[in-house]
Amino acid sequence: KKHLAKWARKSDISCYRVYDADLPDYALAIDLYDEHIHVQEYA
C-alpha cells in the first residue's frame, strides 16, 4: 500500500490492485476501489 499509494495519487487513480497472491498461504487478490476493498479468494 505504501509503495503504490503515491503512484496512484500522482496518476489520479483511485482503483488498483494492492496484493495479488504474493504469499502462497494467502491466495487472495485485493483491490482498492476508492474507500472500498474488493477481495477475491482464489479457490
All heavy atoms as atom14 arrays in JSON, in Angstrom:
{
  "sequence": "KKHLAKWARKSDISCYRVYDADLPDYALAIDLYDEHIHVQEYA",
  "atom14_mask": [
    [1, 1, 1, 1, 1, 1, 1, 1, 1, 0, 0, 0, 0, 0],
    [1, 1, 1, 1, 1, 1, 1, 1, 1, 0, 0, 0, 0, 0],
    [1, 1, 1, 1, 1, 1, 1, 1, 1, 1, 0, 0, 0, 0],
    [1, 1, 1, 1, 1, 1, 1, 1, 0, 0, 0, 0, 0, 0],
    [1, 1, 1, 1, 1, 0, 0, 0, 0, 0, 0, 0, 0, 0],
    [1, 1, 1, 1, 1, 1, 1, 1, 1, 0, 0, 0, 0, 0],
    [1, 1, 1, 1, 1, 1, 1, 1, 1, 1, 1, 1, 1, 1],
    [1, 1, 1, 1, 1, 0, 0, 0, 0, 0, 0, 0, 0, 0],
    [1, 1, 1, 1, 1, 1, 1, 1, 1, 1, 1, 0, 0, 0],
    [1, 1, 1, 1, 1, 1, 1, 1, 1, 0, 0, 0, 0, 0],
    [1, 1, 1, 1, 1, 1, 0, 0, 0, 0, 0, 0, 0, 0],
    [1, 1, 1, 1, 1, 1, 1, 1, 0, 0, 0, 0, 0, 0],
    [1, 1, 1, 1, 1, 1, 1, 1, 0, 0, 0, 0, 0, 0],
    [1, 1, 1, 1, 1, 1, 0, 0, 0, 0, 0, 0, 0, 0],
    [1, 1, 1, 1, 1, 1, 0, 0, 0, 0, 0, 0, 0, 0],
    [1, 1, 1, 1, 1, 1, 1, 1, 1, 1, 1, 1, 0, 0],
    [1, 1, 1, 1, 1, 1, 1, 1, 1, 1, 1, 0, 0, 0],
    [1, 1, 1, 1, 1, 1, 1, 0, 0, 0, 0, 0, 0, 0],
    [1, 1, 1, 1, 1, 1, 1, 1, 1, 1, 1, 1, 0, 0],
    [1, 1, 1, 1, 1, 1, 1, 1, 0, 0, 0, 0, 0, 0],
    [1, 1, 1, 1, 1, 0, 0, 0, 0, 0, 0, 0, 0, 0],
    [1, 1, 1, 1, 1, 1, 1, 1, 0, 0, 0, 0, 0, 0],
    [1, 1, 1, 1, 1, 1, 1, 1, 0, 0, 0, 0, 0, 0],
    [1, 1, 1, 1, 1, 1, 1, 0, 0, 0, 0, 0, 0, 0],
    [1, 1, 1, 1, 1, 1, 1, 1, 0, 0, 0, 0, 0, 0],
    [1, 1, 1, 1, 1, 1, 1, 1, 1, 1, 1, 1, 0, 0],
    [1, 1, 1, 1, 1, 0, 0, 0, 0, 0, 0, 0, 0, 0],
    [1, 1, 1, 1, 1, 1, 1, 1, 0, 0, 0, 0, 0, 0],
    [1, 1, 1, 1, 1, 0, 0, 0, 0, 0, 0, 0, 0, 0],
    [1, 1, 1, 1, 1, 1, 1, 1, 0, 0, 0, 0, 0, 0],
    [1, 1, 1, 1, 1, 1, 1, 1, 0, 0, 0, 0, 0, 0],
    [1, 1, 1, 1, 1, 1, 1, 1, 0, 0, 0, 0, 0, 0],
    [1, 1, 1, 1, 1, 1, 1, 1, 1, 1, 1, 1, 0, 0],
    [1, 1, 1, 1, 1, 1, 1, 1, 0, 0, 0, 0, 0, 0],
    [1, 1, 1, 1, 1, 1, 1, 1, 1, 0, 0, 0, 0, 0],
    [1, 1, 1, 1, 1, 1, 1, 1, 1, 1, 0, 0, 0, 0],
    [1, 1, 1, 1, 1, 1, 1, 1, 0, 0, 0, 0, 0, 0],
    [1, 1, 1, 1, 1, 1, 1, 1, 1, 1, 0, 0, 0, 0],
    [1, 1, 1, 1, 1, 1, 1, 0, 0, 0, 0, 0, 0, 0],
    [1, 1, 1, 1, 1, 1, 1, 1, 1, 0, 0, 0, 0, 0],
    [1, 1, 1, 1, 1, 1, 1, 1, 1, 0, 0, 0, 0, 0],
    [1, 1, 1, 1, 1, 1, 1, 1, 1, 1, 1, 1, 0, 0],
    [1, 1, 1, 1, 1, 0, 0, 0, 0, 0, 0, 0, 0, 0]
  ],
  "atom14_positions": [
    [[0.83, -1.21, 0.0], [0.0, 0.0, 0.0], [0.87, 1.25, 0.0], [0.61, 2.19, -0.76], [-0.92, -0.01, 1.22], [-1.82, 1.21, 1.3], [-2.52, 1.32, 2.63], [-3.32, 2.61, 2.71], [-3.92, 2.83, 4.04], [0.0, 0.0, 0.0], [0.0, 0.0, 0.0], [0.0, 0.0, 0.0], [0.0, 0.0, 0.0], [0.0, 0.0, 0.0]],
    [[1.89, 1.27, 0.86], [2.76, 2.44, 0.93], [3.47, 2.69, -0.4], [3.61, 3.83, -0.84], [3.79, 2.22, 2.05], [4.72, 3.4, 2.26], [5.68, 3.14, 3.41], [6.62, 4.32, 3.63], [7.57, 4.06, 4.75], [0.0, 0.0, 0.0], [0.0, 0.0, 0.0], [0.0, 0.0, 0.0], [0.0, 0.0, 0.0], [0.0, 0.0, 0.0]],
    [[3.89, 1.61, -1.05], [4.61, 1.72, -2.32], [3.71, 2.25, -3.44], [4.14, 3.06, -4.27], [5.17, 0.35, -2.7], [5.82, 0.31, -4.05], [7.0, 0.95, -4.34], [5.43, -0.3, -5.2], [7.32, 0.74, -5.61], [6.39, -0.01, -6.15], [0.0, 0.0, 0.0], [0.0, 0.0, 0.0], [0.0, 0.0, 0.0], [0.0, 0.0, 0.0]],
    [[2.45, 1.8, -3.47], [1.56, 2.11, -4.59], [0.76, 3.39, -4.4], [0.31, 4.0, -5.39], [0.6, 0.95, -4.82], [1.23, -0.35, -5.33], [0.23, -1.5, -5.24], [1.72, -0.19, -6.76], [0.0, 0.0, 0.0], [0.0, 0.0, 0.0], [0.0, 0.0, 0.0], [0.0, 0.0, 0.0], [0.0, 0.0, 0.0], [0.0, 0.0, 0.0]],
    [[0.53, 3.8, -3.16], [-0.37, 4.93, -2.91], [0.12, 6.21, -3.58], [-0.67, 6.97, -4.16], [-0.54, 5.13, -1.41], [0.0, 0.0, 0.0], [0.0, 0.0, 0.0], [0.0, 0.0, 0.0], [0.0, 0.0, 0.0], [0.0, 0.0, 0.0], [0.0, 0.0, 0.0], [0.0, 0.0, 0.0], [0.0, 0.0, 0.0], [0.0, 0.0, 0.0]],
    [[1.43, 6.49, -3.52], [1.97, 7.71, -4.11], [1.79, 7.7, -5.62], [1.4, 8.71, -6.22], [3.45, 7.84, -3.74], [4.08, 9.14, -4.21], [5.54, 9.24, -3.74], [6.16, 10.54, -4.2], [7.59, 10.65, -3.75], [0.0, 0.0, 0.0], [0.0, 0.0, 0.0], [0.0, 0.0, 0.0], [0.0, 0.0, 0.0], [0.0, 0.0, 0.0]],
    [[2.08, 6.55, -6.25], [1.87, 6.42, -7.7], [0.41, 6.65, -8.07], [0.1, 7.34, -9.05], [2.32, 5.03, -8.15], [1.71, 4.61, -9.45], [2.11, 4.94, -10.71], [0.57, 3.76, -9.62], [1.29, 4.37, -11.65], [0.33, 3.64, -11.01], [-0.28, 3.1, -8.73], [-0.71, 2.88, -11.52], [-1.32, 2.34, -9.24], [-1.53, 2.25, -10.62]],
    [[-0.5, 6.08, -7.29], [-1.93, 6.2, -7.59], [-2.39, 7.65, -7.51], [-3.14, 8.12, -8.38], [-2.73, 5.32, -6.63], [0.0, 0.0, 0.0], [0.0, 0.0, 0.0], [0.0, 0.0, 0.0], [0.0, 0.0, 0.0], [0.0, 0.0, 0.0], [0.0, 0.0, 0.0], [0.0, 0.0, 0.0], [0.0, 0.0, 0.0], [0.0, 0.0, 0.0]],
    [[-1.97, 8.36, -6.47], [-2.36, 9.77, -6.35], [-1.82, 10.59, -7.51], [-2.54, 11.42, -8.07], [-1.84, 10.34, -5.02], [-2.61, 9.86, -3.79], [-2.25, 10.71, -2.56], [-0.84, 10.62, -2.23], [-0.33, 9.71, -1.42], [-1.11, 8.8, -0.86], [0.97, 9.7, -1.16], [0.0, 0.0, 0.0], [0.0, 0.0, 0.0], [0.0, 0.0, 0.0]],
    [[-0.58, 10.36, -7.87], [0.03, 11.1, -8.97], [-0.68, 10.83, -10.29], [-0.79, 11.72, -11.14], [1.52, 10.73, -9.07], [2.29, 11.51, -10.1], [3.76, 11.12, -10.09], [4.55, 11.89, -11.14], [5.99, 11.5, -11.16], [0.0, 0.0, 0.0], [0.0, 0.0, 0.0], [0.0, 0.0, 0.0], [0.0, 0.0, 0.0], [0.0, 0.0, 0.0]],
    [[-1.16, 9.6, -10.47], [-1.81, 9.2, -11.73], [-3.31, 9.45, -11.72], [-3.99, 9.11, -12.69], [-1.54, 7.71, -11.99], [-0.15, 7.44, -12.0], [0.0, 0.0, 0.0], [0.0, 0.0, 0.0], [0.0, 0.0, 0.0], [0.0, 0.0, 0.0], [0.0, 0.0, 0.0], [0.0, 0.0, 0.0], [0.0, 0.0, 0.0], [0.0, 0.0, 0.0]],
    [[-3.83, 10.01, -10.63], [-5.27, 10.23, -10.48], [-6.03, 8.91, -10.64], [-6.98, 8.8, -11.41], [-5.79, 11.26, -11.47], [-7.2, 11.74, -11.12], [-7.6, 11.58, -9.95], [-7.91, 12.23, -12.02], [0.0, 0.0, 0.0], [0.0, 0.0, 0.0], [0.0, 0.0, 0.0], [0.0, 0.0, 0.0], [0.0, 0.0, 0.0], [0.0, 0.0, 0.0]],
    [[-5.55, 7.89, -9.93], [-6.16, 6.56, -9.97], [-6.62, 6.2, -8.56], [-5.82, 6.23, -7.62], [-5.16, 5.51, -10.49], [-4.88, 5.74, -11.97], [-5.66, 4.09, -10.25], [-3.74, 4.9, -12.52], [0.0, 0.0, 0.0], [0.0, 0.0, 0.0], [0.0, 0.0, 0.0], [0.0, 0.0, 0.0], [0.0, 0.0, 0.0], [0.0, 0.0, 0.0]],
    [[-7.9, 5.88, -8.41], [-8.41, 5.51, -7.09], [-8.78, 4.04, -7.01], [-9.36, 3.59, -6.02], [-9.65, 6.36, -6.74], [-10.75, 6.04, -7.56], [0.0, 0.0, 0.0], [0.0, 0.0, 0.0], [0.0, 0.0, 0.0], [0.0, 0.0, 0.0], [0.0, 0.0, 0.0], [0.0, 0.0, 0.0], [0.0, 0.0, 0.0], [0.0, 0.0, 0.0]],
    [[-8.47, 3.27, -8.06], [-8.79, 1.84, -8.06], [-7.59, 1.07, -8.62], [-7.18, 1.29, -9.76], [-10.04, 1.57, -8.89], [-10.07, 2.38, -10.5], [0.0, 0.0, 0.0], [0.0, 0.0, 0.0], [0.0, 0.0, 0.0], [0.0, 0.0, 0.0], [0.0, 0.0, 0.0], [0.0, 0.0, 0.0], [0.0, 0.0, 0.0], [0.0, 0.0, 0.0]],
    [[-7.03, 0.19, -7.79], [-5.85, -0.56, -8.24], [-5.65, -1.76, -7.33], [-6.17, -1.81, -6.21], [-4.59, 0.32, -8.25], [-4.27, 0.96, -6.92], [-3.38, 0.37, -6.02], [-4.83, 2.19, -6.57], [-3.07, 0.95, -4.81], [-4.53, 2.79, -5.35], [-3.66, 2.16, -4.47], [-3.35, 2.75, -3.27], [0.0, 0.0, 0.0], [0.0, 0.0, 0.0]],
    [[-4.91, -2.74, -7.82], [-4.63, -3.96, -7.06], [-3.46, -3.72, -6.12], [-2.39, -3.29, -6.54], [-4.34, -5.12, -8.0], [-4.04, -6.43, -7.27], [-4.37, -7.63, -8.14], [-5.81, -7.68, -8.4], [-6.4, -8.61, -9.15], [-5.69, -9.58, -9.69], [-7.7, -8.58, -9.36], [0.0, 0.0, 0.0], [0.0, 0.0, 0.0], [0.0, 0.0, 0.0]],
    [[-3.67, -4.04, -4.85], [-2.64, -3.8, -3.86], [-1.97, -5.1, -3.41], [-0.92, -5.07, -2.78], [-3.25, -3.05, -2.65], [-4.16, -3.94, -1.84], [-2.16, -2.43, -1.78], [0.0, 0.0, 0.0], [0.0, 0.0, 0.0], [0.0, 0.0, 0.0], [0.0, 0.0, 0.0], [0.0, 0.0, 0.0], [0.0, 0.0, 0.0], [0.0, 0.0, 0.0]],
    [[-2.57, -6.24, -3.77], [-1.99, -7.54, -3.38], [-2.53, -8.59, -4.34], [-3.74, -8.61, -4.62], [-2.39, -7.87, -1.94], [-1.92, -9.22, -1.43], [-0.71, -9.38, -0.77], [-2.71, -10.36, -1.62], [-0.28, -10.62, -0.31], [-2.3, -11.6, -1.16], [-1.09, -11.73, -0.51], [-0.68, -12.96, -0.06], [0.0, 0.0, 0.0], [0.0, 0.0, 0.0]],
    [[-1.65, -9.45, -4.85], [-2.09, -10.48, -5.8], [-1.39, -11.8, -5.48], [-0.43, -12.19, -6.13], [-1.79, -10.05, -7.23], [-2.55, -10.9, -8.25], [-3.37, -11.74, -7.84], [-2.31, -10.71, -9.46], [0.0, 0.0, 0.0], [0.0, 0.0, 0.0], [0.0, 0.0, 0.0], [0.0, 0.0, 0.0], [0.0, 0.0, 0.0], [0.0, 0.0, 0.0]],
    [[-1.91, -12.49, -4.45], [-1.38, -13.8, -4.04], [0.14, -13.75, -3.87], [0.84, -14.69, -4.24], [-1.79, -14.88, -5.05], [0.0, 0.0, 0.0], [0.0, 0.0, 0.0], [0.0, 0.0, 0.0], [0.0, 0.0, 0.0], [0.0, 0.0, 0.0], [0.0, 0.0, 0.0], [0.0, 0.0, 0.0], [0.0, 0.0, 0.0], [0.0, 0.0, 0.0]],
    [[0.64, -12.66, -3.27], [2.09, -12.51, -3.07], [2.65, -13.64, -2.22], [3.77, -14.11, -2.46], [2.39, -11.17, -2.38], [1.94, -9.96, -3.19], [1.02, -10.11, -4.0], [2.51, -8.88, -2.99], [0.0, 0.0, 0.0], [0.0, 0.0, 0.0], [0.0, 0.0, 0.0], [0.0, 0.0, 0.0], [0.0, 0.0, 0.0], [0.0, 0.0, 0.0]],
    [[1.89, -14.06, -1.21], [2.32, -15.12, -0.31], [1.45, -16.35, -0.54], [0.23, -16.25, -0.59], [2.21, -14.67, 1.15], [2.95, -13.38, 1.53], [2.66, -13.01, 2.97], [4.45, -13.54, 1.3], [0.0, 0.0, 0.0], [0.0, 0.0, 0.0], [0.0, 0.0, 0.0], [0.0, 0.0, 0.0], [0.0, 0.0, 0.0], [0.0, 0.0, 0.0]],
    [[2.05, -17.54, -0.69], [1.28, -18.73, -1.05], [0.2, -19.1, -0.03], [-0.83, -19.68, -0.4], [2.34, -19.83, -1.16], [3.55, -19.31, -0.46], [3.5, -17.83, -0.59], [0.0, 0.0, 0.0], [0.0, 0.0, 0.0], [0.0, 0.0, 0.0], [0.0, 0.0, 0.0], [0.0, 0.0, 0.0], [0.0, 0.0, 0.0], [0.0, 0.0, 0.0]],
    [[0.38, -18.75, 1.24], [-0.61, -19.09, 2.26], [-1.86, -18.22, 2.16], [-2.9, -18.55, 2.73], [-0.02, -18.94, 3.66], [0.91, -20.09, 4.01], [0.73, -21.18, 3.44], [1.82, -19.9, 4.85], [0.0, 0.0, 0.0], [0.0, 0.0, 0.0], [0.0, 0.0, 0.0], [0.0, 0.0, 0.0], [0.0, 0.0, 0.0], [0.0, 0.0, 0.0]],
    [[-1.76, -17.1, 1.45], [-2.89, -16.18, 1.34], [-3.14, -15.92, -0.14], [-2.67, -14.94, -0.71], [-2.6, -14.88, 2.09], [-2.38, -15.11, 3.57], [-1.1, -15.39, 4.07], [-3.43, -15.09, 4.47], [-0.89, -15.63, 5.41], [-3.23, -15.33, 5.82], [-1.96, -15.61, 6.28], [-1.77, -15.85, 7.62], [0.0, 0.0, 0.0], [0.0, 0.0, 0.0]],
    [[-3.9, -16.85, -0.76], [-4.14, -16.8, -2.21], [-5.3, -15.87, -2.49], [-6.41, -16.27, -2.84], [-4.43, -18.2, -2.74], [0.0, 0.0, 0.0], [0.0, 0.0, 0.0], [0.0, 0.0, 0.0], [0.0, 0.0, 0.0], [0.0, 0.0, 0.0], [0.0, 0.0, 0.0], [0.0, 0.0, 0.0], [0.0, 0.0, 0.0], [0.0, 0.0, 0.0]],
    [[-5.04, -14.57, -2.34], [-6.07, -13.55, -2.49], [-5.65, -12.51, -3.51], [-4.46, -12.24, -3.68], [-6.32, -12.83, -1.15], [-6.67, -13.69, 0.07], [-6.62, -12.84, 1.33], [-8.03, -14.34, -0.11], [0.0, 0.0, 0.0], [0.0, 0.0, 0.0], [0.0, 0.0, 0.0], [0.0, 0.0, 0.0], [0.0, 0.0, 0.0], [0.0, 0.0, 0.0]],
    [[-6.63, -11.94, -4.18], [-6.42, -10.72, -4.95], [-7.17, -9.61, -4.21], [-8.37, -9.74, -3.96], [-6.96, -10.87, -6.37], [0.0, 0.0, 0.0], [0.0, 0.0, 0.0], [0.0, 0.0, 0.0], [0.0, 0.0, 0.0], [0.0, 0.0, 0.0], [0.0, 0.0, 0.0], [0.0, 0.0, 0.0], [0.0, 0.0, 0.0], [0.0, 0.0, 0.0]],
    [[-6.46, -8.55, -3.85], [-7.05, -7.47, -3.06], [-6.96, -6.18, -3.87], [-5.86, -5.73, -4.22], [-6.32, -7.3, -1.72], [-6.33, -8.63, -0.95], [-6.97, -6.2, -0.89], [-5.49, -8.6, 0.33], [0.0, 0.0, 0.0], [0.0, 0.0, 0.0], [0.0, 0.0, 0.0], [0.0, 0.0, 0.0], [0.0, 0.0, 0.0], [0.0, 0.0, 0.0]],
    [[-8.12, -5.62, -4.19], [-8.19, -4.41, -4.99], [-8.81, -3.28, -4.17], [-9.8, -3.48, -3.46], [-9.04, -4.63, -6.24], [-8.49, -5.72, -7.15], [-7.26, -5.77, -7.28], [-9.28, -6.5, -7.7], [0.0, 0.0, 0.0], [0.0, 0.0, 0.0], [0.0, 0.0, 0.0], [0.0, 0.0, 0.0], [0.0, 0.0, 0.0], [0.0, 0.0, 0.0]],
    [[-8.22, -2.1, -4.28], [-8.79, -0.9, -3.68], [-9.68, -0.21, -4.71], [-9.27, -0.03, -5.86], [-7.68, 0.07, -3.25], [-6.75, -0.38, -2.12], [-5.74, 0.71, -1.83], [-7.55, -0.7, -0.88], [0.0, 0.0, 0.0], [0.0, 0.0, 0.0], [0.0, 0.0, 0.0], [0.0, 0.0, 0.0], [0.0, 0.0, 0.0], [0.0, 0.0, 0.0]],
    [[-10.87, 0.14, -4.31], [-11.77, 0.95, -5.12], [-12.15, 2.15, -4.28], [-13.13, 2.12, -3.52], [-13.01, 0.16, -5.52], [-12.78, -0.87, -6.61], [-12.36, -2.15, -6.31], [-12.99, -0.54, -7.95], [-12.15, -3.09, -7.3], [-12.78, -1.48, -8.96], [-12.37, -2.75, -8.63], [-12.16, -3.69, -9.62], [0.0, 0.0, 0.0], [0.0, 0.0, 0.0]],
    [[-11.34, 3.2, -4.37], [-11.53, 4.4, -3.57], [-11.5, 4.02, -2.08], [-10.49, 3.53, -1.6], [-12.83, 5.11, -3.97], [-12.81, 6.58, -3.58], [-11.75, 7.2, -3.69], [-13.85, 7.09, -3.16], [0.0, 0.0, 0.0], [0.0, 0.0, 0.0], [0.0, 0.0, 0.0], [0.0, 0.0, 0.0], [0.0, 0.0, 0.0], [0.0, 0.0, 0.0]],
    [[-12.6, 4.21, -1.36], [-12.62, 3.89, 0.07], [-13.18, 2.49, 0.34], [-13.57, 2.19, 1.48], [-13.45, 4.93, 0.83], [-12.9, 6.34, 0.74], [-11.5, 6.45, 1.34], [-11.26, 5.83, 2.39], [-10.65, 7.16, 0.74], [0.0, 0.0, 0.0], [0.0, 0.0, 0.0], [0.0, 0.0, 0.0], [0.0, 0.0, 0.0], [0.0, 0.0, 0.0]],
    [[-13.24, 1.64, -0.67], [-13.77, 0.29, -0.52], [-12.7, -0.72, -0.94], [-11.76, -0.4, -1.65], [-15.02, 0.1, -1.38], [-16.18, 0.93, -0.94], [-16.23, 2.3, -1.12], [-17.35, 0.59, -0.32], [-17.38, 2.76, -0.63], [-18.06, 1.76, -0.14], [0.0, 0.0, 0.0], [0.0, 0.0, 0.0], [0.0, 0.0, 0.0], [0.0, 0.0, 0.0]],
    [[-12.89, -1.96, -0.47], [-11.94, -3.03, -0.79], [-12.7, -4.2, -1.39], [-13.75, -4.6, -0.9], [-11.2, -3.53, 0.48], [-10.46, -2.37, 1.15], [-10.22, -4.63, 0.13], [-9.85, -2.74, 2.47], [0.0, 0.0, 0.0], [0.0, 0.0, 0.0], [0.0, 0.0, 0.0], [0.0, 0.0, 0.0], [0.0, 0.0, 0.0], [0.0, 0.0, 0.0]],
    [[-12.15, -4.75, -2.46], [-12.71, -5.92, -3.14], [-11.71, -7.06, -3.0], [-10.59, -6.97, -3.5], [-12.95, -5.58, -4.61], [-13.65, -6.64, -5.39], [-13.03, -7.42, -6.33], [-14.95, -7.05, -5.38], [-13.9, -8.25, -6.87], [-15.06, -8.06, -6.31], [0.0, 0.0, 0.0], [0.0, 0.0, 0.0], [0.0, 0.0, 0.0], [0.0, 0.0, 0.0]],
    [[-12.1, -8.11, -2.29], [-11.21, -9.25, -2.04], [-11.73, -10.46, -2.81], [-12.91, -10.8, -2.73], [-11.15, -9.6, -0.54], [-10.19, -10.76, -0.29], [-10.74, -8.38, 0.28], [0.0, 0.0, 0.0], [0.0, 0.0, 0.0], [0.0, 0.0, 0.0], [0.0, 0.0, 0.0], [0.0, 0.0, 0.0], [0.0, 0.0, 0.0], [0.0, 0.0, 0.0]],
    [[-10.85, -11.1, -3.55], [-11.19, -12.34, -4.24], [-10.27, -13.44, -3.74], [-9.05, -13.3, -3.78], [-11.04, -12.18, -5.75], [-11.95, -11.12, -6.35], [-11.64, -10.89, -7.81], [-12.14, -11.59, -8.68], [-10.8, -9.91, -8.1], [0.0, 0.0, 0.0], [0.0, 0.0, 0.0], [0.0, 0.0, 0.0], [0.0, 0.0, 0.0], [0.0, 0.0, 0.0]],
    [[-10.88, -14.51, -3.27], [-10.1, -15.67, -2.84], [-10.03, -16.65, -4.0], [-11.06, -17.12, -4.5], [-10.74, -16.36, -1.63], [-9.9, -17.55, -1.15], [-10.67, -18.5, -0.24], [-11.91, -18.55, -0.33], [-10.02, -19.2, 0.54], [0.0, 0.0, 0.0], [0.0, 0.0, 0.0], [0.0, 0.0, 0.0], [0.0, 0.0, 0.0], [0.0, 0.0, 0.0]],
    [[-8.83, -16.96, -4.45], [-8.68, -17.99, -5.47], [-8.97, -19.33, -4.82], [-8.49, -19.63, -3.73], [-7.26, -17.98, -6.04], [-6.89, -16.7, -6.75], [-5.89, -15.87, -6.26], [-7.56, -16.3, -7.91], [-5.55, -14.69, -6.91], [-7.23, -15.13, -8.55], [-6.23, -14.33, -8.05], [-5.9, -13.16, -8.7], [0.0, 0.0, 0.0], [0.0, 0.0, 0.0]],
    [[-9.82, -20.14, -5.45], [-10.17, -21.44, -4.9], [-8.9, -22.24, -4.62], [-8.06, -22.4, -5.51], [-11.08, -22.2, -5.86], [0.0, 0.0, 0.0], [0.0, 0.0, 0.0], [0.0, 0.0, 0.0], [0.0, 0.0, 0.0], [0.0, 0.0, 0.0], [0.0, 0.0, 0.0], [0.0, 0.0, 0.0], [0.0, 0.0, 0.0], [0.0, 0.0, 0.0]]
  ]
}
